[in-house]
Amino acid sequence: MSLNPNAGVMLALILSALGALTLGGCADDDAVADSGIPKGNGVCLQKSQIDHTEIVNDGSIVFFMKTGKPYLNTLRFPCPSLTMEGGFAYESDFPEICSQSQTIHVLRSGNFCELGNFTPFNVPAPPPAAKPK
């Protein structure tokens, strides 16, 4: 069996390219993720700083941070049954979830849906209570 004499060079180039791609995602690891600084194609949120979520409709979820700051995620496409099922889960080996790079799993229906962009959100104030007559 004879090997191509350029095979070693080609392998080295491929490994170098893969290494550059892998390390490229590590550049902003120390950044405060919920600061609103764009990373990639959107904002990233530190998973440990997410306090709770609220499903608005089949296309929107609000992520409430422990700092009190909410972020609206507009899903890339409507997620059928998200509102009806009332819950979702996500798995990630990374300490943050980023805009347009995370899939969620609707709990009972089993649907998979893609998160869209995270944007800072102002929670509307509740209407004033009616005074009794």
N, C-alpha and C. Protein backbone atom coordinates (compact mmCIF):
# COMPACT_ATOMS: atom_id res chain seq x y z
N MET A 1 0.86 -1.18 0.00
CA MET A 1 0.00 0.00 0.00
C MET A 1 0.90 1.23 0.00
N SER A 2 0.67 2.16 -0.91
CA SER A 2 1.48 3.37 -0.96
C SER A 2 0.62 4.56 -0.55
N LEU A 3 1.25 5.48 0.19
CA LEU A 3 0.56 6.69 0.65
C LEU A 3 0.92 7.86 -0.24
N ASN A 4 0.00 8.73 -0.41
CA ASN A 4 0.24 9.97 -1.14
C ASN A 4 1.26 10.78 -0.34
N PRO A 5 2.35 11.24 -0.95
CA PRO A 5 3.36 11.98 -0.19
C PRO A 5 2.82 13.29 0.37
N ASN A 6 1.75 13.81 -0.18
CA ASN A 6 1.17 15.06 0.31
C ASN A 6 0.11 14.83 1.38
N ALA A 7 -0.18 13.57 1.73
CA ALA A 7 -1.23 13.26 2.69
C ALA A 7 -0.95 13.89 4.05
N GLY A 8 0.29 13.87 4.50
CA GLY A 8 0.64 14.46 5.80
C GLY A 8 0.40 15.95 5.82
N VAL A 9 0.75 16.63 4.72
CA VAL A 9 0.54 18.07 4.63
C VAL A 9 -0.95 18.38 4.63
N MET A 10 -1.71 17.61 3.86
CA MET A 10 -3.16 17.83 3.80
C MET A 10 -3.79 17.61 5.16
N LEU A 11 -3.38 16.56 5.87
CA LEU A 11 -3.93 16.28 7.19
C LEU A 11 -3.60 17.41 8.16
N ALA A 12 -2.37 17.92 8.10
CA ALA A 12 -1.98 19.03 8.98
C ALA A 12 -2.83 20.27 8.70
N LEU A 13 -3.09 20.56 7.43
CA LEU A 13 -3.93 21.72 7.09
C LEU A 13 -5.35 21.55 7.59
N ILE A 14 -5.90 20.36 7.44
CA ILE A 14 -7.26 20.10 7.90
C ILE A 14 -7.34 20.24 9.42
N LEU A 15 -6.38 19.66 10.15
CA LEU A 15 -6.38 19.76 11.61
C LEU A 15 -6.20 21.20 12.07
N SER A 16 -5.38 21.98 11.37
CA SER A 16 -5.20 23.39 11.72
C SER A 16 -6.50 24.16 11.54
N ALA A 17 -7.18 23.90 10.44
CA ALA A 17 -8.45 24.58 10.17
C ALA A 17 -9.49 24.21 11.22
N LEU A 18 -9.57 22.94 11.58
CA LEU A 18 -10.53 22.52 12.61
C LEU A 18 -10.20 23.15 13.95
N GLY A 19 -8.93 23.22 14.28
CA GLY A 19 -8.52 23.85 15.54
C GLY A 19 -8.89 25.32 15.58
N ALA A 20 -8.70 26.01 14.48
CA ALA A 20 -9.07 27.43 14.41
C ALA A 20 -10.56 27.62 14.58
N LEU A 21 -11.35 26.75 13.96
CA LEU A 21 -12.81 26.85 14.10
C LEU A 21 -13.24 26.58 15.53
N THR A 22 -12.64 25.61 16.17
CA THR A 22 -12.99 25.26 17.54
C THR A 22 -12.63 26.38 18.49
N LEU A 23 -11.43 26.93 18.38
CA LEU A 23 -11.00 28.00 19.27
C LEU A 23 -11.71 29.30 19.00
N GLY A 24 -12.22 29.49 17.80
CA GLY A 24 -12.92 30.73 17.47
C GLY A 24 -14.12 30.98 18.36
N GLY A 25 -14.79 29.93 18.82
CA GLY A 25 -15.95 30.09 19.69
C GLY A 25 -15.58 30.37 21.13
N CYS A 26 -14.30 30.35 21.49
CA CYS A 26 -13.89 30.53 22.87
C CYS A 26 -13.46 31.95 23.18
N ALA A 27 -13.44 32.82 22.21
CA ALA A 27 -12.87 34.14 22.40
C ALA A 27 -13.60 34.96 23.45
N ASP A 28 -14.91 34.83 23.58
CA ASP A 28 -15.68 35.67 24.48
C ASP A 28 -16.15 34.94 25.73
N ASP A 29 -15.50 33.85 26.11
CA ASP A 29 -15.97 33.05 27.23
C ASP A 29 -16.04 33.84 28.53
N ASP A 30 -15.19 34.85 28.72
CA ASP A 30 -15.17 35.60 29.97
C ASP A 30 -16.13 36.78 29.96
N ALA A 31 -16.78 37.04 28.85
CA ALA A 31 -17.68 38.18 28.75
C ALA A 31 -18.93 37.93 29.59
N VAL A 32 -19.47 39.00 30.12
CA VAL A 32 -20.74 38.91 30.84
C VAL A 32 -21.81 38.71 29.80
N ALA A 33 -22.44 37.58 29.81
CA ALA A 33 -23.33 37.19 28.71
C ALA A 33 -24.62 37.96 28.70
N ASP A 34 -25.17 38.36 29.84
CA ASP A 34 -26.46 39.04 29.80
C ASP A 34 -26.30 40.56 29.71
N SER A 35 -25.13 41.03 29.27
CA SER A 35 -24.89 42.46 29.15
C SER A 35 -25.47 43.03 27.88
N GLY A 36 -26.02 42.18 27.01
CA GLY A 36 -26.58 42.66 25.76
C GLY A 36 -25.54 42.78 24.66
N ILE A 37 -24.32 42.34 24.92
CA ILE A 37 -23.27 42.40 23.91
C ILE A 37 -23.53 41.30 22.88
N PRO A 38 -23.65 41.67 21.61
CA PRO A 38 -23.89 40.63 20.60
C PRO A 38 -22.74 39.63 20.56
N LYS A 39 -23.06 38.38 20.42
CA LYS A 39 -22.05 37.34 20.29
C LYS A 39 -22.52 36.46 19.15
N GLY A 40 -21.73 36.33 18.13
CA GLY A 40 -22.18 35.59 16.96
C GLY A 40 -23.29 36.36 16.30
N ASN A 41 -24.46 35.73 16.20
CA ASN A 41 -25.57 36.42 15.56
C ASN A 41 -26.59 36.91 16.58
N GLY A 42 -26.23 37.03 17.84
CA GLY A 42 -27.19 37.51 18.83
C GLY A 42 -26.61 37.57 20.22
N VAL A 43 -27.48 37.70 21.20
CA VAL A 43 -27.12 37.83 22.60
C VAL A 43 -27.07 36.46 23.25
N CYS A 44 -26.17 36.29 24.21
CA CYS A 44 -26.07 35.05 24.97
C CYS A 44 -26.47 35.32 26.42
N LEU A 45 -27.13 34.35 27.04
CA LEU A 45 -27.53 34.44 28.44
C LEU A 45 -26.83 33.32 29.22
N GLN A 46 -26.27 33.66 30.37
CA GLN A 46 -25.67 32.65 31.23
C GLN A 46 -26.80 31.81 31.83
N LYS A 47 -26.73 30.49 31.63
CA LYS A 47 -27.79 29.60 32.13
C LYS A 47 -27.94 29.72 33.64
N SER A 48 -26.83 29.87 34.36
CA SER A 48 -26.90 29.93 35.82
C SER A 48 -27.58 31.21 36.31
N GLN A 49 -27.72 32.19 35.44
CA GLN A 49 -28.34 33.45 35.82
C GLN A 49 -29.81 33.56 35.42
N ILE A 50 -30.34 32.51 34.77
CA ILE A 50 -31.76 32.51 34.39
C ILE A 50 -32.58 32.12 35.61
N ASP A 51 -33.48 33.00 36.02
CA ASP A 51 -34.32 32.74 37.19
C ASP A 51 -35.54 31.90 36.82
N HIS A 52 -36.25 32.32 35.79
CA HIS A 52 -37.41 31.58 35.31
C HIS A 52 -37.79 32.08 33.92
N THR A 53 -38.71 31.38 33.30
CA THR A 53 -39.19 31.76 31.97
C THR A 53 -40.70 31.87 31.99
N GLU A 54 -41.21 32.59 31.01
CA GLU A 54 -42.66 32.70 30.85
C GLU A 54 -42.98 32.58 29.36
N ILE A 55 -43.82 31.63 29.03
CA ILE A 55 -44.23 31.44 27.64
C ILE A 55 -45.31 32.47 27.33
N VAL A 56 -45.06 33.32 26.35
CA VAL A 56 -46.00 34.36 25.96
C VAL A 56 -47.03 33.79 24.98
N ASN A 57 -46.53 33.11 23.96
CA ASN A 57 -47.37 32.48 22.94
C ASN A 57 -46.51 31.43 22.23
N ASP A 58 -47.01 30.86 21.16
CA ASP A 58 -46.26 29.80 20.46
C ASP A 58 -45.03 30.33 19.72
N GLY A 59 -44.78 31.62 19.79
CA GLY A 59 -43.63 32.19 19.10
C GLY A 59 -42.71 33.02 19.97
N SER A 60 -43.03 33.14 21.28
CA SER A 60 -42.24 34.02 22.15
C SER A 60 -42.14 33.47 23.56
N ILE A 61 -40.94 33.61 24.14
CA ILE A 61 -40.68 33.22 25.52
C ILE A 61 -39.89 34.35 26.17
N VAL A 62 -40.27 34.73 27.41
CA VAL A 62 -39.50 35.71 28.16
C VAL A 62 -38.62 34.97 29.16
N PHE A 63 -37.32 35.27 29.13
CA PHE A 63 -36.36 34.71 30.07
C PHE A 63 -36.08 35.79 31.11
N PHE A 64 -36.41 35.52 32.37
CA PHE A 64 -36.18 36.46 33.45
C PHE A 64 -34.87 36.10 34.13
N MET A 65 -33.96 37.07 34.18
CA MET A 65 -32.65 36.84 34.77
C MET A 65 -32.71 37.11 36.27
N LYS A 66 -31.77 36.55 37.01
CA LYS A 66 -31.71 36.78 38.46
C LYS A 66 -31.45 38.24 38.78
N THR A 67 -30.90 38.97 37.83
CA THR A 67 -30.66 40.40 38.03
C THR A 67 -31.95 41.20 37.91
N GLY A 68 -33.04 40.54 37.48
CA GLY A 68 -34.31 41.22 37.29
C GLY A 68 -34.54 41.66 35.86
N LYS A 69 -33.53 41.54 35.03
CA LYS A 69 -33.65 41.98 33.64
C LYS A 69 -34.26 40.87 32.78
N PRO A 70 -35.37 41.16 32.09
CA PRO A 70 -35.98 40.15 31.22
C PRO A 70 -35.50 40.27 29.78
N TYR A 71 -35.45 39.13 29.10
CA TYR A 71 -35.11 39.08 27.68
C TYR A 71 -36.20 38.32 26.96
N LEU A 72 -36.66 38.89 25.87
CA LEU A 72 -37.66 38.24 25.03
C LEU A 72 -36.94 37.44 23.95
N ASN A 73 -37.33 36.18 23.79
CA ASN A 73 -36.82 35.39 22.69
C ASN A 73 -37.96 35.17 21.73
N THR A 74 -37.77 35.66 20.51
CA THR A 74 -38.74 35.43 19.45
C THR A 74 -38.24 34.22 18.67
N LEU A 75 -38.98 33.11 18.78
CA LEU A 75 -38.54 31.87 18.15
C LEU A 75 -38.39 32.06 16.65
N ARG A 76 -37.50 31.29 16.05
CA ARG A 76 -37.24 31.42 14.61
C ARG A 76 -38.50 31.11 13.80
N PHE A 77 -39.31 30.16 14.29
CA PHE A 77 -40.58 29.79 13.67
C PHE A 77 -41.56 29.52 14.80
N PRO A 78 -42.87 29.72 14.58
CA PRO A 78 -43.82 29.37 15.64
C PRO A 78 -43.65 27.92 16.06
N CYS A 79 -43.85 27.67 17.34
CA CYS A 79 -43.65 26.35 17.92
C CYS A 79 -45.02 25.79 18.33
N PRO A 80 -45.62 24.99 17.47
CA PRO A 80 -46.96 24.48 17.77
C PRO A 80 -47.00 23.77 19.11
N SER A 81 -48.01 24.05 19.86
CA SER A 81 -48.33 23.45 21.16
C SER A 81 -47.48 23.97 22.31
N LEU A 82 -46.59 24.92 22.10
CA LEU A 82 -45.76 25.43 23.20
C LEU A 82 -46.63 26.02 24.30
N THR A 83 -47.59 26.87 23.92
CA THR A 83 -48.47 27.50 24.90
C THR A 83 -49.36 26.45 25.57
N MET A 84 -49.92 25.56 24.78
CA MET A 84 -50.85 24.56 25.31
C MET A 84 -50.14 23.60 26.27
N GLU A 85 -48.93 23.19 25.95
CA GLU A 85 -48.20 22.23 26.80
C GLU A 85 -47.63 22.91 28.03
N GLY A 86 -47.37 24.21 27.94
CA GLY A 86 -46.96 24.98 29.11
C GLY A 86 -45.57 24.72 29.65
N GLY A 87 -44.71 24.12 28.89
CA GLY A 87 -43.37 23.92 29.39
C GLY A 87 -42.42 23.42 28.32
N PHE A 88 -41.14 23.66 28.55
CA PHE A 88 -40.11 23.22 27.61
C PHE A 88 -38.84 22.95 28.38
N ALA A 89 -37.93 22.29 27.73
CA ALA A 89 -36.62 22.01 28.30
C ALA A 89 -35.57 22.24 27.24
N TYR A 90 -34.35 22.47 27.68
CA TYR A 90 -33.24 22.57 26.74
C TYR A 90 -32.03 21.95 27.39
N GLU A 91 -31.16 21.42 26.57
CA GLU A 91 -29.92 20.83 27.05
C GLU A 91 -28.76 21.49 26.33
N SER A 92 -27.72 21.74 27.07
CA SER A 92 -26.53 22.33 26.48
C SER A 92 -25.34 22.01 27.37
N ASP A 93 -24.23 21.70 26.77
CA ASP A 93 -23.01 21.47 27.52
C ASP A 93 -22.28 22.78 27.79
N PHE A 94 -22.80 23.87 27.26
CA PHE A 94 -22.17 25.18 27.42
C PHE A 94 -22.85 25.94 28.55
N PRO A 95 -22.15 26.87 29.19
CA PRO A 95 -22.74 27.60 30.32
C PRO A 95 -23.70 28.71 29.90
N GLU A 96 -23.92 28.85 28.61
CA GLU A 96 -24.82 29.91 28.14
C GLU A 96 -25.66 29.41 26.99
N ILE A 97 -26.77 30.11 26.78
CA ILE A 97 -27.57 29.85 25.59
C ILE A 97 -27.54 31.13 24.77
N CYS A 98 -27.40 30.97 23.48
CA CYS A 98 -27.22 32.12 22.60
C CYS A 98 -28.33 32.20 21.56
N SER A 99 -28.57 33.41 21.11
CA SER A 99 -29.55 33.64 20.05
C SER A 99 -29.29 32.73 18.87
N GLN A 100 -30.33 32.15 18.36
CA GLN A 100 -30.33 31.35 17.15
C GLN A 100 -29.35 30.18 17.19
N SER A 101 -29.05 29.66 18.39
CA SER A 101 -28.14 28.52 18.44
C SER A 101 -28.60 27.44 19.41
N GLN A 102 -29.86 27.49 19.81
CA GLN A 102 -30.35 26.54 20.81
C GLN A 102 -31.69 25.98 20.37
N THR A 103 -31.88 24.70 20.59
CA THR A 103 -33.15 24.05 20.33
C THR A 103 -33.81 23.76 21.66
N ILE A 104 -35.12 23.96 21.72
CA ILE A 104 -35.87 23.61 22.92
C ILE A 104 -36.76 22.42 22.59
N HIS A 105 -37.16 21.72 23.63
CA HIS A 105 -37.98 20.52 23.49
C HIS A 105 -39.27 20.76 24.28
N VAL A 106 -40.41 20.79 23.59
CA VAL A 106 -41.69 20.98 24.27
C VAL A 106 -41.98 19.70 25.06
N LEU A 107 -42.30 19.86 26.34
CA LEU A 107 -42.34 18.72 27.25
C LEU A 107 -43.26 17.58 26.84
N ARG A 108 -44.53 17.81 26.68
CA ARG A 108 -45.43 16.68 26.44
C ARG A 108 -45.59 16.32 24.98
N SER A 109 -45.53 17.31 24.09
CA SER A 109 -45.76 17.01 22.67
C SER A 109 -44.52 16.41 22.00
N GLY A 110 -43.34 16.73 22.55
CA GLY A 110 -42.11 16.23 21.95
C GLY A 110 -41.61 17.09 20.80
N ASN A 111 -42.31 18.21 20.49
CA ASN A 111 -41.86 19.09 19.41
C ASN A 111 -40.50 19.70 19.75
N PHE A 112 -39.67 19.88 18.73
CA PHE A 112 -38.42 20.60 18.86
C PHE A 112 -38.57 21.93 18.15
N CYS A 113 -38.13 23.00 18.79
CA CYS A 113 -38.26 24.33 18.22
C CYS A 113 -36.95 25.09 18.43
N GLU A 114 -36.67 26.04 17.54
CA GLU A 114 -35.41 26.78 17.59
C GLU A 114 -35.61 28.16 18.19
N LEU A 115 -34.74 28.48 19.17
CA LEU A 115 -34.77 29.83 19.71
C LEU A 115 -34.30 30.80 18.65
N GLY A 116 -34.84 32.01 18.71
CA GLY A 116 -34.42 33.07 17.80
C GLY A 116 -33.54 34.05 18.55
N ASN A 117 -33.71 35.34 18.28
CA ASN A 117 -32.90 36.36 18.92
C ASN A 117 -33.41 36.71 20.30
N PHE A 118 -32.47 36.96 21.22
CA PHE A 118 -32.80 37.50 22.53
C PHE A 118 -32.73 39.02 22.43
N THR A 119 -33.76 39.69 22.93
CA THR A 119 -33.75 41.15 22.97
C THR A 119 -34.19 41.60 24.35
N PRO A 120 -33.59 42.67 24.88
CA PRO A 120 -34.06 43.19 26.17
C PRO A 120 -35.55 43.50 26.07
N PHE A 121 -36.25 43.28 27.16
CA PHE A 121 -37.71 43.36 27.16
C PHE A 121 -38.19 44.17 28.35
N ASN A 122 -39.16 45.03 28.12
CA ASN A 122 -39.79 45.76 29.21
C ASN A 122 -41.13 45.11 29.50
N VAL A 123 -41.27 44.58 30.70
CA VAL A 123 -42.52 43.93 31.09
C VAL A 123 -43.58 44.99 31.26
N PRO A 124 -44.73 44.83 30.56
CA PRO A 124 -45.79 45.83 30.71
C PRO A 124 -46.31 45.86 32.14
N ALA A 125 -46.63 47.07 32.61
CA ALA A 125 -47.19 47.22 33.95
C ALA A 125 -48.62 46.70 33.95
N PRO A 126 -49.03 46.06 35.05
CA PRO A 126 -50.41 45.58 35.11
C PRO A 126 -51.37 46.77 35.16
N PRO A 127 -52.57 46.61 34.63
CA PRO A 127 -53.54 47.71 34.68
C PRO A 127 -53.91 48.01 36.13
N PRO A 128 -54.22 49.26 36.43
CA PRO A 128 -54.60 49.59 37.80
C PRO A 128 -55.87 48.85 38.20
N ALA A 129 -55.94 48.46 39.45
CA ALA A 129 -57.11 47.75 39.95
C ALA A 129 -58.30 48.71 40.00
N ALA A 130 -59.46 48.18 39.66
CA ALA A 130 -60.69 48.99 39.72
C ALA A 130 -61.06 49.23 41.17
N LYS A 131 -61.49 50.46 41.46
CA LYS A 131 -61.90 50.79 42.82
C LYS A 131 -63.33 50.32 43.05
N PRO A 132 -63.58 49.70 44.21
CA PRO A 132 -64.94 49.25 44.47
C PRO A 132 -65.88 50.44 44.64
N LYS A 133 -67.14 50.25 44.25
CA LYS A 133 -68.12 51.34 44.34
C LYS A 133 -68.80 51.37 45.67
